[in-house]
Amino acid sequence: MWSTEEVDWFPVRNREWIDAYLSPFTSAELNEALVLTDDEYLVYGEAQDPVRYRITYLESALEISETGDSAIYLLNPETVTPDGEWEAWLFANWLPGAQRHRSFAELMHAEHTSFRELD
């Protein structure tokens, strides 16, 4: 995890990563990805399809960790809970998209559970 002094916007450090994810899509395809309804997008937990995310949100994501195992933690200011929590993502080259969580706390709980299952 980055310290508060090291946190930065994802496009500042990882423009090439964003470009690699966006480049295969035409403008029309990106627009189609953006039209996911909130009912389609705001699905979390095991019912979530990691491929169904709004890829353009990478442009405004806050990078809160360094890259490890080709994965990074991001906060998404485009999706905010009623109590002000930003959506939190595990974004990795080995995922077919992003594992999204309602909050940073939910992401950390999921990661902790995942690590314990490896034992």
C-alpha atoms as a PDB file:
ATOM      1  CA  MET A   1       0.000   0.000   0.000  1.00  0.00           C
ATOM      2  CA  TRP A   2       1.202   3.496  -0.748  1.00  0.00           C
ATOM      3  CA  SER A   3       1.570   5.999   2.074  1.00  0.00           C
ATOM      4  CA  THR A   4      -0.631   9.081   1.817  1.00  0.00           C
ATOM      5  CA  GLU A   5       2.329  10.979   0.351  1.00  0.00           C
ATOM      6  CA  GLU A   6       2.744   8.364  -2.398  1.00  0.00           C
ATOM      7  CA  VAL A   7      -0.905   7.941  -3.462  1.00  0.00           C
ATOM      8  CA  ASP A   8      -1.489   9.283  -6.970  1.00  0.00           C
ATOM      9  CA  TRP A   9      -3.998   9.055  -9.797  1.00  0.00           C
ATOM     10  CA  PHE A  10      -3.747   5.844 -11.800  1.00  0.00           C
ATOM     11  CA  PRO A  11      -3.262   7.609 -15.178  1.00  0.00           C
ATOM     12  CA  VAL A  12      -0.223   9.490 -13.834  1.00  0.00           C
ATOM     13  CA  ARG A  13       1.792   6.326 -13.179  1.00  0.00           C
ATOM     14  CA  ASN A  14       0.086   3.827 -15.471  1.00  0.00           C
ATOM     15  CA  ARG A  15      -1.041   5.570 -18.642  1.00  0.00           C
ATOM     16  CA  GLU A  16       0.259   2.650 -20.746  1.00  0.00           C
ATOM     17  CA  TRP A  17      -1.811   0.163 -18.737  1.00  0.00           C
ATOM     18  CA  ILE A  18      -4.980   2.186 -19.352  1.00  0.00           C
ATOM     19  CA  ASP A  19      -4.136   2.559 -23.040  1.00  0.00           C
ATOM     20  CA  ALA A  20      -3.632  -1.205 -23.342  1.00  0.00           C
ATOM     21  CA  TYR A  21      -7.104  -1.828 -21.922  1.00  0.00           C
ATOM     22  CA  LEU A  22      -8.797   0.902 -23.960  1.00  0.00           C
ATOM     23  CA  SER A  23      -7.024   0.399 -27.307  1.00  0.00           C
ATOM     24  CA  PRO A  24      -8.876  -2.756 -28.419  1.00  0.00           C
ATOM     25  CA  PHE A  25     -12.200  -0.923 -28.197  1.00  0.00           C
ATOM     26  CA  THR A  26     -13.762   1.385 -30.724  1.00  0.00           C
ATOM     27  CA  SER A  27     -15.497   4.523 -29.468  1.00  0.00           C
ATOM     28  CA  ALA A  28     -18.850   2.823 -30.022  1.00  0.00           C
ATOM     29  CA  GLU A  29     -17.805  -0.179 -27.916  1.00  0.00           C
ATOM     30  CA  LEU A  30     -16.615   2.102 -25.115  1.00  0.00           C
ATOM     31  CA  ASN A  31     -19.909   3.962 -25.229  1.00  0.00           C
ATOM     32  CA  GLU A  32     -21.709   0.623 -24.972  1.00  0.00           C
ATOM     33  CA  ALA A  33     -19.623  -0.250 -21.908  1.00  0.00           C
ATOM     34  CA  LEU A  34     -20.654   3.053 -20.371  1.00  0.00           C
ATOM     35  CA  VAL A  35     -24.342   2.311 -20.786  1.00  0.00           C
ATOM     36  CA  LEU A  36     -24.291  -0.449 -18.203  1.00  0.00           C
ATOM     37  CA  THR A  37     -27.231   0.379 -16.012  1.00  0.00           C
ATOM     38  CA  ASP A  38     -26.569   0.776 -12.312  1.00  0.00           C
ATOM     39  CA  ASP A  39     -28.508  -2.471 -11.787  1.00  0.00           C
ATOM     40  CA  GLU A  40     -26.017  -4.218 -14.092  1.00  0.00           C
ATOM     41  CA  TYR A  41     -22.956  -2.430 -12.723  1.00  0.00           C
ATOM     42  CA  LEU A  42     -23.613  -2.311  -8.984  1.00  0.00           C
ATOM     43  CA  VAL A  43     -23.353  -6.064  -8.435  1.00  0.00           C
ATOM     44  CA  TYR A  44     -20.831  -7.205  -5.838  1.00  0.00           C
ATOM     45  CA  GLY A  45     -19.650 -10.467  -4.329  1.00  0.00           C
ATOM     46  CA  GLU A  46     -19.897 -13.812  -6.062  1.00  0.00           C
ATOM     47  CA  ALA A  47     -22.707 -12.619  -8.348  1.00  0.00           C
ATOM     48  CA  GLN A  48     -20.376 -10.014  -9.867  1.00  0.00           C
ATOM     49  CA  ASP A  49     -18.983 -10.590 -13.347  1.00  0.00           C
ATOM     50  CA  PRO A  50     -15.532  -8.914 -13.325  1.00  0.00           C
ATOM     51  CA  VAL A  51     -15.783  -8.309 -17.065  1.00  0.00           C
ATOM     52  CA  ARG A  52     -18.828  -6.069 -16.515  1.00  0.00           C
ATOM     53  CA  TYR A  53     -17.207  -2.865 -15.339  1.00  0.00           C
ATOM     54  CA  ARG A  54     -16.961   0.646 -16.691  1.00  0.00           C
ATOM     55  CA  ILE A  55     -13.496   0.551 -18.205  1.00  0.00           C
ATOM     56  CA  THR A  56     -13.325   4.318 -18.662  1.00  0.00           C
ATOM     57  CA  TYR A  57     -13.357   4.691 -14.864  1.00  0.00           C
ATOM     58  CA  LEU A  58      -9.662   3.782 -15.039  1.00  0.00           C
ATOM     59  CA  GLU A  59      -9.109   7.368 -16.194  1.00  0.00           C
ATOM     60  CA  SER A  60     -10.207   8.764 -12.814  1.00  0.00           C
ATOM     61  CA  ALA A  61      -9.060   5.977 -10.484  1.00  0.00           C
ATOM     62  CA  LEU A  62      -6.833   6.687  -7.510  1.00  0.00           C
ATOM     63  CA  GLU A  63      -3.867   4.315  -7.213  1.00  0.00           C
ATOM     64  CA  ILE A  64      -3.383   3.324  -3.573  1.00  0.00           C
ATOM     65  CA  SER A  65      -0.794   0.549  -3.932  1.00  0.00           C
ATOM     66  CA  GLU A  66       2.204  -0.297  -5.965  1.00  0.00           C
ATOM     67  CA  THR A  67       1.883  -3.057  -8.547  1.00  0.00           C
ATOM     68  CA  GLY A  68       2.518  -6.521  -7.151  1.00  0.00           C
ATOM     69  CA  ASP A  69       1.910  -9.821  -8.942  1.00  0.00           C
ATOM     70  CA  SER A  70       0.646  -7.737 -11.889  1.00  0.00           C
ATOM     71  CA  ALA A  71      -2.159  -6.394  -9.672  1.00  0.00           C
ATOM     72  CA  ILE A  72      -2.959  -3.043  -8.085  1.00  0.00           C
ATOM     73  CA  TYR A  73      -5.523  -1.572  -5.691  1.00  0.00           C
ATOM     74  CA  LEU A  74      -7.566   1.347  -6.971  1.00  0.00           C
ATOM     75  CA  LEU A  75     -10.283   3.580  -5.546  1.00  0.00           C
ATOM     76  CA  ASN A  76     -13.018   4.692  -7.912  1.00  0.00           C
ATOM     77  CA  PRO A  77     -14.444   8.172  -7.204  1.00  0.00           C
ATOM     78  CA  GLU A  78     -17.103   7.673  -9.904  1.00  0.00           C
ATOM     79  CA  THR A  79     -19.058   5.235  -7.723  1.00  0.00           C
ATOM     80  CA  VAL A  80     -19.676   6.428  -4.176  1.00  0.00           C
ATOM     81  CA  THR A  81     -21.848   4.834  -1.487  1.00  0.00           C
ATOM     82  CA  PRO A  82     -24.444   6.951   0.328  1.00  0.00           C
ATOM     83  CA  ASP A  83     -22.034   7.292   3.251  1.00  0.00           C
ATOM     84  CA  GLY A  84     -19.240   8.615   1.006  1.00  0.00           C
ATOM     85  CA  GLU A  85     -17.141   5.483   0.461  1.00  0.00           C
ATOM     86  CA  TRP A  86     -15.469   5.182  -2.942  1.00  0.00           C
ATOM     87  CA  GLU A  87     -15.747   1.883  -4.753  1.00  0.00           C
ATOM     88  CA  ALA A  88     -12.513  -0.158  -4.399  1.00  0.00           C
ATOM     89  CA  TRP A  89     -11.003  -2.357  -7.105  1.00  0.00           C
ATOM     90  CA  LEU A  90      -8.512  -5.142  -7.373  1.00  0.00           C
ATOM     91  CA  PHE A  91      -7.287  -4.586 -10.911  1.00  0.00           C
ATOM     92  CA  ALA A  92      -4.896  -7.153 -12.367  1.00  0.00           C
ATOM     93  CA  ASN A  93      -3.518  -8.325 -15.688  1.00  0.00           C
ATOM     94  CA  TRP A  94      -4.615 -11.873 -14.801  1.00  0.00           C
ATOM     95  CA  LEU A  95      -8.245 -10.865 -14.193  1.00  0.00           C
ATOM     96  CA  PRO A  96     -10.708 -10.517 -17.055  1.00  0.00           C
ATOM     97  CA  GLY A  97     -11.602  -7.082 -15.689  1.00  0.00           C
ATOM     98  CA  ALA A  98     -11.827  -5.771 -12.142  1.00  0.00           C
ATOM     99  CA  GLN A  99     -12.964  -7.256  -8.857  1.00  0.00           C
ATOM    100  CA  ARG A 100     -15.011  -4.401  -7.424  1.00  0.00           C
ATOM    101  CA  HIS A 101     -16.075  -3.793  -3.847  1.00  0.00           C
ATOM    102  CA  ARG A 102     -18.375  -1.188  -2.311  1.00  0.00           C
ATOM    103  CA  SER A 103     -15.535   0.172  -0.175  1.00  0.00           C
ATOM    104  CA  PHE A 104     -11.877  -0.139   0.733  1.00  0.00           C
ATOM    105  CA  ALA A 105     -12.896  -2.023   3.902  1.00  0.00           C
ATOM    106  CA  GLU A 106     -14.819  -4.600   1.834  1.00  0.00           C
ATOM    107  CA  LEU A 107     -11.836  -5.009  -0.509  1.00  0.00           C
ATOM    108  CA  MET A 108      -9.463  -5.597   2.417  1.00  0.00           C
ATOM    109  CA  HIS A 109     -11.867  -8.086   3.997  1.00  0.00           C
ATOM    110  CA  ALA A 110     -12.131  -9.997   0.685  1.00  0.00           C
ATOM    111  CA  GLU A 111      -8.351 -10.013   0.288  1.00  0.00           C
ATOM    112  CA  HIS A 112      -7.879 -11.245   3.855  1.00  0.00           C
ATOM    113  CA  THR A 113     -10.386 -14.040   3.258  1.00  0.00           C
ATOM    114  CA  SER A 114      -8.640 -14.958   0.002  1.00  0.00           C
ATOM    115  CA  PHE A 115      -5.223 -15.110   1.691  1.00  0.00           C
ATOM    116  CA  ARG A 116      -6.581 -17.294   4.517  1.00  0.00           C
ATOM    117  CA  GLU A 117      -8.031 -19.712   1.959  1.00  0.00           C
ATOM    118  CA  LEU A 118      -4.522 -20.196   0.550  1.00  0.00           C
ATOM    119  CA  ASP A 119      -3.322 -21.734   3.836  1.00  0.00           C
END
